[in-house]
Amino acid sequence: MTNTTENVALCGLNRKDFQATIQGKKTDLYILRNRKGYEVAITNYGGAICAIMVPDKDGNVANVIQGHDNIQDVINSPEPFLSTLIGRYGNRICRGQFTLNGKEYQLAINNGPNALHGGPTGFHTRVWDARQMGPRTLALNYVSSYGEEGFTGEFRVTVEFTFTDANELIIEYMATTNKKTVMNLTHHGYFSLAGVANPTPTIDNLECEINADYYLPIDDTCIPTGEIRFVKDTPFDFRTTKPVGQDINADNEQIKNGNGYDHCFVLNKKEEGELSFAAKIKDPVSGRTMEVYTTEPGVQVYSDNWADGYKGYHGATFGRRSAICFECQHFPDTPNHPYFPSSVLNPGQQYKQKTIYKFGVE
């Protein structure tokens, strides 16, 4: 029986358009399909998710994540972190500097004065070794060499993507190191529940709930000030559902510093490392919903404040605030804030994380 996956994929993506040799390794497209016939399409270049095909309340299927439809556009995307895996350190490190074991480290500066998302050649630019295990699971492996992007230790990471029959995209991370290192792994999905289009609708009317009593204020370079602030009476109070756009342009120093939402929310947890509810969004027009669950202590909520209408999947255009990101992770700049939950990984330890994006309709 011939494999006709590329011809009948709901997402309309063709594997051949993702097949190239980069860094001496082969890139490809992998389709995860559940028993309901819905799909997630992932390339092993940067672990970029190119499509998530799920229905609305009337059964109309659309792609609800921003991505590209060929490997060259993934590589050359105007948004280099578009729906990719992030490492070795997700989010920002102040001036790219930190001290570990009494030694100072300097990372590449790629976001104002700071280091962002593992640097310009972070995990989002690497070709991962891929193994598809049945129709619904893909395992990606990568070995980050000693000194890569300025980080210490040889760091081995496996990320498993599973798309269940309940339309849950489960992302599980496992990592080890041979030398003490700092790390913060996440996936930077740009979610557009209305469906990507030309133009993709804004997220202003998305109804959003975030299970966090506190958030981390930032300075004007988006580095945490060190304070952990109560959300009450601020634009960051999503403890009860409200539209994303309600306070996104508020006359508020924190909103101005982030140019919208670009802040880490401190998730309410009963115990460290428990898998618990983090957030939920609903598109009122399509009825599509997405719930987020994670073992991580924080979620960086980013309201896509810098997009300029660039082109992506099947000619869709991605304008400012046409997506929302829920990057489940440890806190930004943790190596420089000793009282934040530690992001240090030691030899002999195994780092584990589980994050779930569950799609539904209401």
Protein backbone atom coordinates (compact mmCIF):
# COMPACT_ATOMS: atom_id res chain seq x y z
CA MET A 1 0.00 0.00 0.00
CA THR A 2 1.47 3.36 -0.97
CA ASN A 3 1.68 6.20 1.49
CA THR A 4 -0.61 8.89 0.14
CA THR A 5 -0.54 10.97 3.32
CA GLU A 6 0.74 14.04 1.51
CA ASN A 7 -2.10 13.91 -1.03
CA VAL A 8 -4.98 13.56 1.39
CA ALA A 9 -3.79 15.63 4.35
CA LEU A 10 -6.53 17.90 5.72
CA CYS A 11 -3.93 20.62 6.14
CA GLY A 12 -3.12 20.63 2.43
CA LEU A 13 0.61 20.55 3.15
CA ASN A 14 2.90 18.51 0.91
CA ARG A 15 5.78 16.60 2.49
CA LYS A 16 7.97 17.24 -0.56
CA ASP A 17 7.84 20.98 0.19
CA PHE A 18 9.52 20.28 3.55
CA GLN A 19 12.20 17.86 2.36
CA ALA A 20 15.68 19.35 2.20
CA THR A 21 19.17 18.73 3.56
CA ILE A 22 20.17 21.35 6.12
CA GLN A 23 23.15 21.20 8.50
CA GLY A 24 23.86 17.84 6.87
CA LYS A 25 20.53 16.45 8.07
CA LYS A 26 17.25 15.77 6.32
CA THR A 27 14.15 17.81 7.08
CA ASP A 28 10.63 16.48 6.58
CA LEU A 29 7.00 17.02 7.52
CA TYR A 30 5.22 14.68 9.92
CA ILE A 31 1.43 14.44 10.13
CA LEU A 32 -0.18 13.30 13.38
CA ARG A 33 -3.75 12.20 12.77
CA ASN A 34 -6.23 11.06 15.40
CA ARG A 35 -9.14 8.69 14.93
CA LYS A 36 -11.50 11.59 14.27
CA GLY A 37 -9.33 12.53 11.27
CA TYR A 38 -8.04 15.81 12.71
CA GLU A 39 -4.38 16.66 12.26
CA VAL A 40 -1.25 18.26 13.57
CA ALA A 41 1.60 18.88 11.10
CA ILE A 42 5.14 19.27 12.44
CA THR A 43 8.52 19.66 10.78
CA ASN A 44 11.73 18.52 12.44
CA TYR A 45 13.33 21.86 11.57
CA GLY A 46 13.04 23.62 14.92
CA GLY A 47 10.06 21.47 15.89
CA ALA A 48 7.88 24.01 14.08
CA ILE A 49 4.16 23.19 14.08
CA CYS A 50 2.82 24.17 10.67
CA ALA A 51 -0.85 23.28 11.12
CA ILE A 52 -3.38 22.17 13.72
CA MET A 53 -6.60 21.20 11.93
CA VAL A 54 -9.61 21.18 14.27
CA PRO A 55 -13.36 21.85 13.83
CA ASP A 56 -15.53 24.77 14.86
CA LYS A 57 -19.01 24.45 16.37
CA ASP A 58 -20.47 23.74 12.90
CA GLY A 59 -17.84 21.14 12.02
CA ASN A 60 -15.83 23.43 9.74
CA VAL A 61 -12.15 22.50 9.99
CA ALA A 62 -9.46 25.19 9.93
CA ASN A 63 -5.81 25.63 10.84
CA VAL A 64 -5.59 27.29 14.27
CA ILE A 65 -1.81 27.80 14.50
CA GLN A 66 0.37 30.16 12.53
CA GLY A 67 3.02 28.50 10.39
CA HIS A 68 4.43 28.17 6.89
CA ASP A 69 3.79 25.75 4.04
CA ASN A 70 7.37 24.99 2.94
CA ILE A 71 10.76 24.54 4.57
CA GLN A 72 12.39 27.66 3.11
CA ASP A 73 9.66 29.89 4.54
CA VAL A 74 10.02 28.19 7.94
CA ILE A 75 13.77 28.89 7.90
CA ASN A 76 13.42 32.46 6.66
CA SER A 77 10.29 33.42 8.60
CA PRO A 78 10.02 37.10 9.58
CA GLU A 79 9.10 35.66 13.01
CA PRO A 80 11.99 33.22 13.66
CA PHE A 81 10.24 31.65 16.68
CA LEU A 82 6.92 31.10 14.87
CA SER A 83 5.35 28.03 16.53
CA THR A 84 8.77 26.43 17.19
CA LEU A 85 10.52 24.62 20.02
CA ILE A 86 12.56 26.98 22.19
CA GLY A 87 15.85 26.27 24.01
CA ARG A 88 18.27 26.02 25.57
CA TYR A 89 16.78 28.91 27.56
CA GLY A 90 13.30 30.13 26.65
CA ASN A 91 12.48 33.79 27.23
CA ARG A 92 14.97 36.50 28.19
CA ILE A 93 18.20 36.62 30.15
CA CYS A 94 19.23 40.13 31.18
CA ARG A 95 22.16 41.36 29.05
CA GLY A 96 22.74 37.69 28.19
CA GLN A 97 24.75 37.33 31.38
CA PHE A 98 24.54 34.97 34.35
CA THR A 99 26.83 33.31 36.85
CA LEU A 100 26.91 29.56 37.47
CA ASN A 101 29.32 27.85 39.89
CA GLY A 102 31.14 31.15 40.29
CA LYS A 103 31.81 31.45 36.55
CA GLU A 104 30.32 34.21 34.42
CA TYR A 105 28.67 33.32 31.12
CA GLN A 106 27.92 35.61 28.19
CA LEU A 107 25.23 34.66 25.67
CA ALA A 108 24.44 36.24 22.31
CA ILE A 109 22.37 39.45 22.49
CA ASN A 110 19.41 39.15 20.11
CA ASN A 111 16.57 41.16 21.68
CA GLY A 112 17.42 44.77 22.54
CA PRO A 113 20.14 44.48 25.20
CA ASN A 114 19.10 40.93 26.17
CA ALA A 115 19.39 37.28 25.15
CA LEU A 116 16.10 35.76 23.93
CA HIS A 117 14.94 32.17 23.38
CA GLY A 118 18.35 30.49 23.34
CA GLY A 119 19.92 32.93 20.88
CA PRO A 120 19.87 33.36 17.11
CA THR A 121 20.89 29.72 16.54
CA GLY A 122 18.82 28.24 19.36
CA PHE A 123 16.73 25.08 19.20
CA HIS A 124 14.29 26.77 16.78
CA THR A 125 16.99 26.67 14.05
CA ARG A 126 18.20 23.11 14.58
CA VAL A 127 17.33 19.99 12.61
CA TRP A 128 16.08 17.46 15.15
CA ASP A 129 16.29 13.69 14.72
CA ALA A 130 12.70 12.55 14.17
CA ARG A 131 10.94 9.25 14.72
CA GLN A 132 7.22 8.91 14.10
CA MET A 133 5.78 6.24 16.39
CA GLY A 134 2.42 5.39 14.88
CA PRO A 135 -0.14 7.82 13.48
CA ARG A 136 -0.43 10.01 16.57
CA THR A 137 3.06 10.39 18.10
CA LEU A 138 6.30 12.01 16.97
CA ALA A 139 9.56 11.99 18.95
CA LEU A 140 12.21 14.63 18.28
CA ASN A 141 15.75 14.34 19.68
CA TYR A 142 18.55 16.87 19.78
CA VAL A 143 22.00 17.00 21.39
CA SER A 144 23.07 20.54 22.20
CA SER A 145 26.85 20.49 22.30
CA TYR A 146 29.03 21.97 25.03
CA GLY A 147 29.40 25.71 24.42
CA GLU A 148 26.57 25.93 21.88
CA GLU A 149 25.21 29.50 21.99
CA GLY A 150 27.43 30.07 25.04
CA PHE A 151 25.79 27.49 27.32
CA THR A 152 27.77 24.98 29.36
CA GLY A 153 27.39 21.20 29.28
CA GLU A 154 26.30 18.72 26.62
CA PHE A 155 22.52 18.86 26.84
CA ARG A 156 20.39 16.01 25.47
CA VAL A 157 16.69 16.61 24.92
CA THR A 158 13.74 14.56 23.68
CA VAL A 159 10.38 16.12 22.88
CA GLU A 160 7.36 13.91 22.20
CA PHE A 161 4.26 15.26 20.48
CA THR A 162 1.07 13.21 20.78
CA PHE A 163 -2.30 14.15 19.25
CA THR A 164 -5.05 12.26 21.07
CA ASP A 165 -8.58 11.33 20.00
CA ALA A 166 -9.80 14.04 22.41
CA ASN A 167 -8.01 16.66 20.22
CA GLU A 168 -5.31 17.19 22.85
CA LEU A 169 -1.84 18.07 21.66
CA ILE A 170 0.42 16.71 24.42
CA ILE A 171 4.03 17.90 24.45
CA GLU A 172 6.39 16.03 26.78
CA TYR A 173 9.98 17.09 27.32
CA MET A 174 12.85 15.07 28.82
CA ALA A 175 16.42 16.38 29.16
CA THR A 176 19.75 15.49 30.75
CA THR A 177 23.15 17.18 30.95
CA ASN A 178 26.72 16.05 31.64
CA LYS A 179 27.61 19.33 33.33
CA LYS A 180 25.61 21.76 35.47
CA THR A 181 23.67 24.09 33.17
CA VAL A 182 20.70 26.45 33.05
CA MET A 183 17.78 25.56 30.84
CA ASN A 184 14.17 26.56 30.14
CA LEU A 185 12.30 24.59 27.47
CA THR A 186 9.01 25.60 25.89
CA HIS A 187 7.04 25.60 22.65
CA HIS A 188 6.15 28.95 21.10
CA GLY A 189 2.81 28.15 19.42
CA TYR A 190 1.11 31.18 17.83
CA PHE A 191 -2.55 30.25 18.22
CA SER A 192 -5.31 31.77 16.06
CA LEU A 193 -8.52 30.02 17.12
CA ALA A 194 -10.61 31.80 14.50
CA GLY A 195 -8.49 30.02 11.87
CA VAL A 196 -5.59 31.50 9.92
CA ALA A 197 -6.79 33.52 6.93
CA ASN A 198 -5.99 36.50 4.73
CA PRO A 199 -6.06 38.49 6.92
CA THR A 200 -6.04 36.41 10.12
CA PRO A 201 -8.52 38.00 12.58
CA THR A 202 -7.19 39.72 15.68
CA ILE A 203 -7.35 38.10 19.11
CA ASP A 204 -9.12 41.10 20.70
CA ASN A 205 -12.44 39.29 21.13
CA LEU A 206 -11.00 35.98 22.33
CA GLU A 207 -12.42 35.18 25.76
CA CYS A 208 -9.51 34.35 28.04
CA GLU A 209 -9.04 32.90 31.52
CA ILE A 210 -5.62 32.50 33.19
CA ASN A 211 -5.25 30.55 36.44
CA ALA A 212 -2.82 32.98 38.06
CA ASP A 213 -3.14 35.28 41.06
CA TYR A 214 0.26 36.83 40.38
CA TYR A 215 2.39 37.92 37.43
CA LEU A 216 5.94 39.18 36.93
CA PRO A 217 6.27 42.90 36.15
CA ILE A 218 8.95 43.80 33.58
CA ASP A 219 11.21 46.75 32.84
CA ASP A 220 11.19 48.55 29.49
CA THR A 221 13.43 45.82 27.98
CA CYS A 222 10.98 43.08 29.07
CA ILE A 223 13.21 41.74 31.88
CA PRO A 224 11.44 40.87 35.18
CA THR A 225 12.01 43.52 37.84
CA GLY A 226 12.10 40.77 40.46
CA GLU A 227 8.74 41.72 41.96
CA ILE A 228 5.89 39.20 42.00
CA ARG A 229 2.73 41.30 41.75
CA PHE A 230 -0.92 40.55 42.54
CA VAL A 231 -3.11 40.72 39.39
CA LYS A 232 -6.08 42.29 41.19
CA ASP A 233 -7.12 45.69 39.78
CA THR A 234 -4.62 45.42 36.90
CA PRO A 235 -4.95 44.57 33.20
CA PHE A 236 -3.39 41.20 34.13
CA ASP A 237 -6.41 39.89 36.03
CA PHE A 238 -7.77 37.01 33.94
CA ARG A 239 -8.95 34.99 36.93
CA THR A 240 -12.45 35.42 35.57
CA THR A 241 -12.93 35.29 31.81
CA LYS A 242 -12.61 38.52 29.85
CA PRO A 243 -11.78 39.48 26.24
CA VAL A 244 -8.04 39.62 25.51
CA GLY A 245 -8.49 43.07 23.99
CA GLN A 246 -10.36 44.59 26.93
CA ASP A 247 -7.26 45.99 28.67
CA ILE A 248 -4.59 45.37 26.05
CA ASN A 249 -4.14 49.07 25.32
CA ALA A 250 -4.67 50.25 28.90
CA ASP A 251 -2.84 53.33 30.17
CA ASN A 252 -0.61 51.13 32.29
CA GLU A 253 3.18 51.11 32.62
CA GLN A 254 3.37 47.30 32.37
CA ILE A 255 1.23 47.18 29.22
CA LYS A 256 3.44 49.89 27.70
CA ASN A 257 6.62 48.03 28.65
CA GLY A 258 5.36 44.90 26.87
CA ASN A 259 3.67 46.76 24.00
CA GLY A 260 0.66 44.68 25.07
CA TYR A 261 0.88 41.38 26.91
CA ASP A 262 4.37 39.88 27.02
CA HIS A 263 4.46 38.77 30.64
CA CYS A 264 4.99 35.65 32.70
CA PHE A 265 2.01 34.63 34.83
CA VAL A 266 2.75 32.74 38.05
CA LEU A 267 0.43 29.75 37.84
CA ASN A 268 -1.62 28.74 40.87
CA LYS A 269 -0.29 25.35 41.99
CA LYS A 270 -1.08 23.10 44.94
CA GLU A 271 2.33 21.45 44.62
CA GLU A 272 5.44 21.97 42.53
CA GLY A 273 5.43 20.10 39.23
CA GLU A 274 1.77 19.07 39.28
CA LEU A 275 -0.07 18.93 35.95
CA SER A 276 -2.76 21.57 36.37
CA PHE A 277 -4.99 23.99 34.50
CA ALA A 278 -3.17 27.10 33.27
CA ALA A 279 -5.43 28.93 30.82
CA LYS A 280 -8.38 28.77 28.46
CA ILE A 281 -9.36 30.77 25.41
CA LYS A 282 -12.57 30.74 23.37
CA ASP A 283 -13.28 32.29 20.00
CA PRO A 284 -16.88 33.55 20.30
CA VAL A 285 -17.57 33.37 16.55
CA SER A 286 -16.34 29.86 15.72
CA GLY A 287 -16.98 28.45 19.20
CA ARG A 288 -13.49 26.89 19.20
CA THR A 289 -11.82 26.58 22.58
CA MET A 290 -8.32 25.77 23.74
CA GLU A 291 -7.38 24.77 27.28
CA VAL A 292 -3.79 24.73 28.51
CA TYR A 293 -2.46 22.40 31.22
CA THR A 294 1.15 22.26 32.35
CA THR A 295 3.59 21.03 34.99
CA GLU A 296 5.58 24.27 34.67
CA PRO A 297 5.41 27.08 37.28
CA GLY A 298 4.74 29.84 34.77
CA VAL A 299 3.21 30.70 31.42
CA GLN A 300 4.47 33.55 29.26
CA VAL A 301 1.43 35.12 27.60
CA TYR A 302 2.36 36.98 24.44
CA SER A 303 -0.21 38.86 22.39
CA ASP A 304 1.79 38.93 19.13
CA ASN A 305 2.55 42.63 19.45
CA TRP A 306 5.11 43.00 16.67
CA ALA A 307 3.73 41.14 13.62
CA ASP A 308 3.35 43.28 10.50
CA GLY A 309 1.08 41.26 8.22
CA TYR A 310 3.72 38.91 6.80
CA LYS A 311 2.59 35.92 4.75
CA GLY A 312 2.41 32.30 5.90
CA TYR A 313 0.41 29.09 5.48
CA HIS A 314 -1.46 29.00 2.12
CA GLY A 315 -1.21 32.78 1.68
CA ALA A 316 -2.59 33.63 5.13
CA THR A 317 -1.37 36.95 6.50
CA PHE A 318 -0.34 37.44 10.11
CA GLY A 319 -0.98 40.95 11.34
CA ARG A 320 -0.34 42.54 14.70
CA ARG A 321 -2.18 40.71 17.49
CA SER A 322 -3.54 38.00 15.20
CA ALA A 323 -2.25 35.25 17.53
CA ILE A 324 -1.80 34.53 21.22
CA CYS A 325 0.99 32.46 22.75
CA PHE A 326 0.93 30.45 25.98
CA GLU A 327 4.57 29.48 26.51
CA CYS A 328 4.63 27.16 29.52
CA GLN A 329 8.00 27.52 31.19
CA HIS A 330 10.13 28.54 34.15
CA PHE A 331 10.33 32.26 34.77
CA PRO A 332 12.35 34.60 32.53
CA ASP A 333 15.84 35.62 33.69
CA THR A 334 15.72 33.03 36.48
CA PRO A 335 19.53 32.64 36.69
CA ASN A 336 19.66 36.27 37.90
CA HIS A 337 16.81 35.94 40.44
CA PRO A 338 17.83 33.36 43.08
CA TYR A 339 14.35 33.20 44.65
CA PHE A 340 12.60 32.26 41.36
CA PRO A 341 12.05 28.48 40.95
CA SER A 342 15.47 27.15 39.88
CA SER A 343 16.21 26.55 36.19
CA VAL A 344 19.48 24.72 36.94
CA LEU A 345 19.87 21.12 35.74
CA ASN A 346 22.60 18.97 37.28
CA PRO A 347 24.29 15.84 35.93
CA GLY A 348 22.34 12.76 37.04
CA GLN A 349 19.05 14.69 37.11
CA GLN A 350 16.36 14.32 34.48
CA TYR A 351 14.30 17.34 33.52
CA LYS A 352 10.69 16.54 32.68
CA GLN A 353 7.84 18.75 31.55
CA LYS A 354 4.36 18.03 30.25
CA THR A 355 2.15 20.61 28.57
CA ILE A 356 -1.25 19.96 26.97
CA TYR A 357 -3.16 22.13 24.50
CA LYS A 358 -6.70 20.75 24.35
CA PHE A 359 -8.99 21.89 21.54
CA GLY A 360 -12.78 21.80 21.75
CA VAL A 361 -15.97 23.63 20.85
CA GLU A 362 -18.69 25.31 22.87
